[in-house]
Amino acid sequence: MSPHVASFFHPDSNTFSYVVHDPATRQAAVIDPVLDYDPDTDAVGSGALQPLLAHVREHALEVRWLLETHAHADHVSAGRWLKQQWPQATLAMGDGIVEVQRTFAPRYGLDVPTDGSQFDHLFADGERFAVGGIAAEVIAVPGHTSDSVAYRIGDALFTGDSLFMPDGGTARCDFPGGDAALLYRSIQRLLALPDATRVFICHDYGPGGREVANETTIGEQRAHNIHLHDGVSEAAFVATRQARDATLAEPKLMHPSVKANIQGGA
């Protein structure tokens, strides 16, 4: 089945959030929502969420799921904020968040539970759920981070940071818990899906000056992904990824983002 997918772009962090719904039941999931955050004042705002909220109201959707693909390092999640608006929704992410919490909570001196209890549900790899009448499954894709997951909802795949648009390649692997070889193996699981699978990515930076984009297909990724198209070996990918990662600066919002996001956006 094919869900309806609406995308919302946050230009400050180059992040795409999604509202995915079953047209038959109007039940919906929100994936990777973003709060505005000012590092100078430590203030958060919901301005970026207003188009998403308007879409939910306009289409009379019932949001049942608030889904995170991982604990993002470049923006503050709106998951906890939206949970307050929609108490019936389940705030969920992959069970790898426990490892991320245990890595980062001591680094930041956070006295918080490191058992994932900030979330309503932690998904195991391969776990199945539904958005209305549309079947969905969780695919663990560690490598960028140890908690990264992708969500396959009907014919739509939401990859988080693991895959970018084909001309953007793949996510960095130099954060604590990252592993380029593991990312290679994780992405092979995604590339084994049918070529026509719609792929929705979490970030795009308009490489080469093109307009930002967020939808591709598994077939296009297999044929054209600059880091991991068909025929690229694990060793070649790891070498490319490590060379690229050595040139990347730390995300400017990494520390406030990770502090908040390992707690569901609290």
Protein backbone atom coordinates (compact mmCIF):
# COMPACT_ATOMS: atom_id res chain seq x y z
CA MET A 1 0.00 0.00 0.00
CA SER A 2 1.04 3.56 -0.63
CA PRO A 3 0.74 6.11 2.18
CA HIS A 4 0.39 9.82 1.58
CA VAL A 5 3.65 11.59 2.44
CA ALA A 6 3.94 15.31 3.16
CA SER A 7 7.39 16.84 3.67
CA PHE A 8 8.42 19.90 5.67
CA PHE A 9 11.84 21.52 5.30
CA HIS A 10 13.70 23.24 8.15
CA PRO A 11 16.29 25.44 6.42
CA ASP A 12 18.31 26.23 9.55
CA SER A 13 19.30 22.57 9.88
CA ASN A 14 18.60 21.36 6.31
CA THR A 15 16.23 18.79 7.82
CA PHE A 16 13.16 17.21 6.27
CA SER A 17 10.34 16.12 8.57
CA TYR A 18 7.41 14.04 7.38
CA VAL A 19 3.75 13.46 8.04
CA VAL A 20 2.81 10.03 6.71
CA HIS A 21 -0.83 8.98 6.70
CA ASP A 22 -3.18 6.26 5.57
CA PRO A 23 -5.79 7.92 3.31
CA ALA A 24 -8.40 5.33 4.29
CA THR A 25 -8.23 5.84 8.06
CA ARG A 26 -6.48 9.24 8.32
CA GLN A 27 -4.21 7.82 10.97
CA ALA A 28 -0.73 9.31 10.74
CA ALA A 29 2.88 9.20 11.85
CA VAL A 30 5.20 12.20 12.19
CA ILE A 31 8.86 11.45 11.49
CA ASP A 32 11.87 13.51 12.68
CA PRO A 33 10.07 16.75 13.68
CA VAL A 34 12.23 19.81 14.42
CA LEU A 35 12.06 22.61 16.98
CA ASP A 36 13.65 25.97 16.32
CA TYR A 37 16.61 26.53 18.63
CA ASP A 38 18.68 29.67 19.30
CA PRO A 39 22.08 28.71 20.75
CA ASP A 40 22.74 32.29 21.86
CA THR A 41 19.71 32.42 24.16
CA ASP A 42 19.09 28.68 24.66
CA ALA A 43 15.49 29.35 23.57
CA VAL A 44 13.34 26.96 21.58
CA GLY A 45 10.39 27.83 19.39
CA SER A 46 7.67 26.08 17.45
CA GLY A 47 7.59 28.34 14.40
CA ALA A 48 9.03 25.67 12.14
CA LEU A 49 6.27 23.28 13.18
CA GLN A 50 3.37 25.49 12.16
CA PRO A 51 3.07 24.23 8.54
CA LEU A 52 3.18 20.64 9.82
CA LEU A 53 0.51 21.35 12.44
CA ALA A 54 -1.63 23.11 9.82
CA HIS A 55 -1.35 20.09 7.52
CA VAL A 56 -2.53 17.76 10.28
CA ARG A 57 -5.51 20.01 11.01
CA GLU A 58 -6.40 20.59 7.36
CA HIS A 59 -6.54 16.87 6.63
CA ALA A 60 -8.17 15.97 9.97
CA LEU A 61 -5.41 13.48 10.74
CA GLU A 62 -5.10 11.45 13.91
CA VAL A 63 -1.40 11.32 14.79
CA ARG A 64 -0.68 7.92 16.35
CA TRP A 65 3.13 7.85 16.09
CA LEU A 66 5.98 10.29 16.71
CA LEU A 67 8.98 8.54 15.20
CA GLU A 68 12.67 9.40 15.51
CA THR A 69 15.22 7.80 13.20
CA HIS A 70 18.06 8.47 15.71
CA ALA A 71 19.26 10.98 18.30
CA HIS A 72 20.09 13.80 15.90
CA ALA A 73 23.22 15.91 16.36
CA ASP A 74 22.21 18.91 14.26
CA HIS A 75 18.76 19.92 15.49
CA VAL A 76 16.56 19.68 18.55
CA SER A 77 13.74 17.18 18.20
CA ALA A 78 10.15 18.34 18.55
CA GLY A 79 9.08 14.88 19.65
CA ARG A 80 8.47 15.77 23.29
CA TRP A 81 6.78 19.07 22.35
CA LEU A 82 4.40 17.31 19.96
CA LYS A 83 3.66 14.62 22.53
CA GLN A 84 2.19 17.40 24.67
CA GLN A 85 -0.06 18.43 21.76
CA TRP A 86 -1.08 14.86 20.92
CA PRO A 87 -0.98 12.79 24.13
CA GLN A 88 -2.46 9.80 22.31
CA ALA A 89 0.63 9.54 20.06
CA THR A 90 3.40 7.05 20.83
CA LEU A 91 6.88 8.63 20.95
CA ALA A 92 9.20 5.94 19.65
CA MET A 93 12.63 5.19 18.27
CA GLY A 94 15.05 2.29 17.95
CA ASP A 95 16.24 0.44 21.05
CA GLY A 96 19.83 1.44 20.22
CA ILE A 97 19.08 4.73 21.98
CA VAL A 98 20.01 3.00 25.25
CA GLU A 99 23.61 2.63 24.09
CA VAL A 100 23.67 6.27 22.94
CA GLN A 101 22.32 7.44 26.29
CA ARG A 102 24.95 5.43 28.15
CA THR A 103 27.67 6.98 25.96
CA PHE A 104 26.59 10.61 26.10
CA ALA A 105 24.87 11.12 29.46
CA PRO A 106 28.16 10.80 31.41
CA ARG A 107 29.98 13.03 28.90
CA TYR A 108 27.50 15.81 29.55
CA GLY A 109 27.10 15.14 33.26
CA LEU A 110 23.40 14.39 32.78
CA ASP A 111 21.68 12.65 35.67
CA VAL A 112 19.01 11.00 33.52
CA PRO A 113 17.80 7.43 33.05
CA THR A 114 19.80 5.51 30.45
CA ASP A 115 17.20 2.83 29.83
CA GLY A 116 15.20 4.58 27.10
CA SER A 117 12.33 5.31 29.47
CA GLN A 118 12.00 8.85 28.09
CA PHE A 119 10.26 7.23 25.12
CA ASP A 120 6.91 5.46 25.03
CA HIS A 121 8.28 2.61 22.95
CA LEU A 122 11.66 1.32 21.76
CA PHE A 123 11.61 -0.64 18.52
CA ALA A 124 13.61 -3.80 18.01
CA ASP A 125 15.13 -4.52 14.61
CA GLY A 126 12.48 -6.06 12.38
CA GLU A 127 9.60 -5.05 14.60
CA ARG A 128 6.33 -4.46 12.78
CA PHE A 129 3.64 -1.89 13.45
CA ALA A 130 0.98 -0.09 11.41
CA VAL A 131 -0.03 3.41 10.38
CA GLY A 132 -3.77 2.97 10.08
CA GLY A 133 -4.21 0.04 7.74
CA ILE A 134 -0.74 0.32 6.22
CA ALA A 135 1.86 -2.17 7.42
CA ALA A 136 5.18 -0.78 8.64
CA GLU A 137 8.47 -2.22 9.82
CA VAL A 138 11.63 -1.06 11.53
CA ILE A 139 15.04 -1.70 9.94
CA ALA A 140 18.06 -1.12 12.16
CA VAL A 141 20.75 0.73 10.20
CA PRO A 142 23.60 1.42 12.65
CA GLY A 143 26.79 3.03 11.35
CA HIS A 144 26.07 6.75 11.33
CA THR A 145 25.04 6.28 14.96
CA SER A 146 24.45 3.11 16.93
CA ASP A 147 20.72 3.87 17.32
CA SER A 148 19.89 4.64 13.68
CA VAL A 149 16.79 3.02 12.21
CA ALA A 150 14.85 3.30 8.97
CA TYR A 151 11.07 3.05 8.78
CA ARG A 152 9.39 1.25 5.90
CA ILE A 153 5.74 2.27 5.74
CA GLY A 154 3.97 0.66 2.80
CA ASP A 155 6.04 1.48 -0.28
CA ALA A 156 7.80 4.43 1.43
CA LEU A 157 11.17 4.20 3.20
CA PHE A 158 12.40 6.85 5.63
CA THR A 159 16.15 6.46 5.96
CA GLY A 160 17.09 9.11 8.51
CA ASP A 161 20.71 10.13 7.95
CA SER A 162 21.96 6.79 6.61
CA LEU A 163 21.27 7.61 2.95
CA PHE A 164 21.14 11.06 1.38
CA MET A 165 20.06 11.87 -2.16
CA PRO A 166 22.22 9.94 -4.66
CA ASP A 167 24.46 12.96 -5.32
CA GLY A 168 24.82 13.51 -1.56
CA GLY A 169 25.97 9.98 -0.74
CA THR A 170 25.77 8.78 2.82
CA ALA A 171 26.03 10.02 6.40
CA ARG A 172 29.21 10.63 8.35
CA CYS A 173 30.44 7.89 10.68
CA ASP A 174 32.87 9.73 12.97
CA PHE A 175 30.58 10.36 15.95
CA PRO A 176 30.96 8.14 19.04
CA GLY A 177 29.35 4.82 18.13
CA GLY A 178 29.76 5.44 14.40
CA ASP A 179 31.28 2.77 12.16
CA ALA A 180 31.70 3.06 8.39
CA ALA A 181 31.90 -0.69 7.81
CA LEU A 182 28.72 -1.17 9.80
CA LEU A 183 26.98 1.56 7.81
CA TYR A 184 27.96 -0.19 4.58
CA ARG A 185 26.32 -3.41 5.78
CA SER A 186 23.27 -1.55 7.04
CA ILE A 187 22.72 0.20 3.73
CA GLN A 188 22.95 -3.11 1.88
CA ARG A 189 19.76 -4.09 3.72
CA LEU A 190 18.03 -1.02 2.32
CA LEU A 191 19.37 -1.50 -1.20
CA ALA A 192 17.93 -5.03 -1.20
CA LEU A 193 14.40 -3.59 -1.14
CA PRO A 194 12.44 -3.33 -4.42
CA ASP A 195 13.80 -0.74 -6.85
CA ALA A 196 10.48 1.14 -6.91
CA THR A 197 10.52 1.74 -3.15
CA ARG A 198 10.14 5.46 -2.52
CA VAL A 199 13.02 6.80 -0.41
CA PHE A 200 12.61 9.90 1.77
CA ILE A 201 15.80 11.32 3.25
CA CYS A 202 16.28 13.42 6.39
CA HIS A 203 18.84 16.00 5.18
CA ASP A 204 19.80 17.61 1.93
CA TYR A 205 22.36 20.37 1.34
CA GLY A 206 21.86 21.01 -2.37
CA PRO A 207 25.26 19.75 -3.58
CA GLY A 208 26.54 21.55 -6.64
CA GLY A 209 24.08 24.37 -6.06
CA ARG A 210 20.95 22.42 -7.03
CA GLU A 211 17.67 23.01 -5.22
CA VAL A 212 17.17 20.92 -2.11
CA ALA A 213 15.38 17.62 -2.71
CA ASN A 214 14.16 14.80 -0.51
CA GLU A 215 12.65 11.96 -2.54
CA THR A 216 14.38 9.30 -4.59
CA THR A 217 14.04 5.52 -5.06
CA ILE A 218 16.00 2.45 -4.16
CA GLY A 219 16.68 1.90 -7.86
CA GLU A 220 18.16 5.38 -8.19
CA GLN A 221 20.29 4.83 -5.10
CA ARG A 222 21.62 1.52 -6.40
CA ALA A 223 22.51 3.07 -9.74
CA HIS A 224 23.76 6.52 -8.77
CA ASN A 225 24.63 6.95 -5.08
CA ILE A 226 28.08 8.54 -5.20
CA HIS A 227 29.34 6.59 -2.18
CA LEU A 228 27.54 3.28 -2.40
CA HIS A 229 26.19 2.45 -5.85
CA ASP A 230 26.23 -1.12 -7.14
CA GLY A 231 29.75 -2.49 -7.35
CA VAL A 232 31.31 -0.46 -4.52
CA SER A 233 33.10 -2.77 -2.08
CA GLU A 234 33.01 -2.40 1.67
CA ALA A 235 36.72 -1.55 1.76
CA ALA A 236 36.33 1.15 -0.90
CA PHE A 237 33.34 2.64 0.90
CA VAL A 238 35.12 2.71 4.25
CA ALA A 239 38.13 4.44 2.70
CA THR A 240 35.92 7.05 1.01
CA ARG A 241 33.84 7.62 4.12
CA GLN A 242 36.83 7.97 6.45
CA ALA A 243 38.58 10.41 4.10
CA ARG A 244 35.43 12.49 3.82
CA ASP A 245 34.73 12.44 7.56
CA ALA A 246 38.23 13.73 8.32
CA THR A 247 37.30 17.00 6.57
CA LEU A 248 33.98 17.61 8.35
CA ALA A 249 33.49 20.09 11.17
CA GLU A 250 31.44 19.25 14.23
CA PRO A 251 27.77 20.23 13.79
CA LYS A 252 27.27 23.64 15.39
CA LEU A 253 24.30 22.45 17.45
CA MET A 254 25.71 19.04 18.33
CA HIS A 255 25.95 19.44 22.10
CA PRO A 256 22.55 21.01 22.84
CA SER A 257 20.92 18.71 20.29
CA VAL A 258 22.33 15.49 21.69
CA LYS A 259 21.60 16.53 25.27
CA ALA A 260 17.97 17.10 24.37
CA ASN A 261 17.48 14.30 21.89
CA ILE A 262 18.68 11.42 24.03
CA GLN A 263 15.77 12.51 26.24
CA GLY A 264 13.24 12.58 23.40
CA GLY A 265 13.61 16.31 22.88
CA ALA A 266 13.19 17.25 26.54
